[in-house]
Amino acid sequence: MRTLHDVIATDIPPPAERAPLELDEDITRKDAWMFAPLIVAAVTLPLVASVLLAVSVWNLASNGPSMASAPPATFASRWL
């Protein structure tokens, strides 16, 4: 096994080139608009979820739990 002391400068491979943006001949820079809906969805869905959670927490904090979620007073009143 070779150690670092045995490595010759010519044995080190040249750095790899970065991949070009156009990896596929069919998809070019002009087709970047197709990714816009994906980016919009990735940005807006977490925002919408955060707003809905904030509104529901604010509603519970300001109004308290609703009367519809209260358990019935007696066992028989469930069917009345």
Protein backbone atom coordinates (compact mmCIF):
# COMPACT_ATOMS: atom_id res chain seq x y z
CA MET A 1 0.00 0.00 0.00
CA ARG A 2 1.31 3.41 -0.91
CA THR A 3 1.67 6.12 1.65
CA LEU A 4 1.53 9.84 1.08
CA HIS A 5 5.32 9.99 1.07
CA ASP A 6 5.41 7.69 -1.99
CA VAL A 7 3.00 9.74 -4.10
CA ILE A 8 4.55 11.49 -7.07
CA ALA A 9 3.01 14.74 -8.29
CA THR A 10 2.35 13.21 -11.71
CA ASP A 11 0.34 10.38 -10.10
CA ILE A 12 -2.31 12.79 -8.82
CA PRO A 13 -5.19 12.93 -11.31
CA PRO A 14 -6.25 16.33 -12.62
CA PRO A 15 -9.35 17.80 -10.98
CA ALA A 16 -12.59 16.74 -12.58
CA GLU A 17 -14.44 19.32 -14.63
CA ARG A 18 -17.83 20.45 -13.46
CA ALA A 19 -20.76 19.07 -15.36
CA PRO A 20 -22.30 21.52 -17.81
CA LEU A 21 -25.81 22.81 -17.24
CA GLU A 22 -27.00 21.18 -20.43
CA LEU A 23 -26.52 17.50 -19.57
CA ASP A 24 -29.25 16.48 -21.98
CA GLU A 25 -29.44 17.81 -25.51
CA ASP A 26 -33.24 18.00 -25.26
CA ILE A 27 -33.28 20.27 -22.19
CA THR A 28 -31.52 23.59 -22.69
CA ARG A 29 -31.45 26.89 -20.87
CA LYS A 30 -34.43 28.01 -22.91
CA ASP A 31 -36.49 25.24 -21.27
CA ALA A 32 -35.81 26.44 -17.72
CA TRP A 33 -39.31 27.95 -17.56
CA MET A 34 -40.69 24.42 -17.12
CA PHE A 35 -39.20 24.28 -13.63
CA ALA A 36 -40.95 27.47 -12.52
CA PRO A 37 -44.14 25.68 -11.29
CA LEU A 38 -42.03 23.25 -9.29
CA ILE A 39 -40.13 26.10 -7.64
CA VAL A 40 -43.35 28.02 -6.97
CA ALA A 41 -44.93 24.95 -5.36
CA ALA A 42 -41.85 24.28 -3.24
CA VAL A 43 -41.99 27.85 -1.92
CA THR A 44 -45.73 28.33 -1.47
CA LEU A 45 -46.78 25.00 0.06
CA PRO A 46 -44.71 25.42 3.25
CA LEU A 47 -45.92 29.03 3.52
CA VAL A 48 -49.55 27.97 3.19
CA ALA A 49 -49.09 25.22 5.78
CA SER A 50 -47.45 27.67 8.18
CA VAL A 51 -50.23 30.22 7.75
CA LEU A 52 -52.95 27.60 8.31
CA LEU A 53 -51.21 26.35 11.44
CA ALA A 54 -50.78 29.91 12.74
CA VAL A 55 -54.44 30.74 12.11
CA SER A 56 -55.65 27.61 13.88
CA VAL A 57 -53.37 28.19 16.87
CA TRP A 58 -54.47 31.84 17.07
CA ASN A 59 -58.12 30.76 16.87
CA LEU A 60 -57.67 28.26 19.68
CA ALA A 61 -55.74 30.74 21.82
CA SER A 62 -58.22 33.58 21.38
CA ASN A 63 -61.56 31.74 21.29
CA GLY A 64 -60.79 28.60 23.26
CA PRO A 65 -61.94 25.16 22.23
CA SER A 66 -65.26 25.04 20.39
CA MET A 67 -68.44 23.73 21.93
CA ALA A 68 -68.72 21.08 19.24
CA SER A 69 -65.66 19.30 20.58
CA ALA A 70 -66.98 19.13 24.15
CA PRO A 71 -68.00 15.65 25.28
CA PRO A 72 -71.71 15.05 25.98
CA ALA A 73 -72.96 15.47 29.54
CA THR A 74 -74.36 11.95 29.90
CA PHE A 75 -74.04 8.68 28.07
CA ALA A 76 -77.69 8.72 26.95
CA SER A 77 -77.51 12.26 25.54
CA ARG A 78 -75.37 11.05 22.66
CA TRP A 79 -78.43 9.60 20.93
CA LEU A 80 -80.95 12.32 21.73
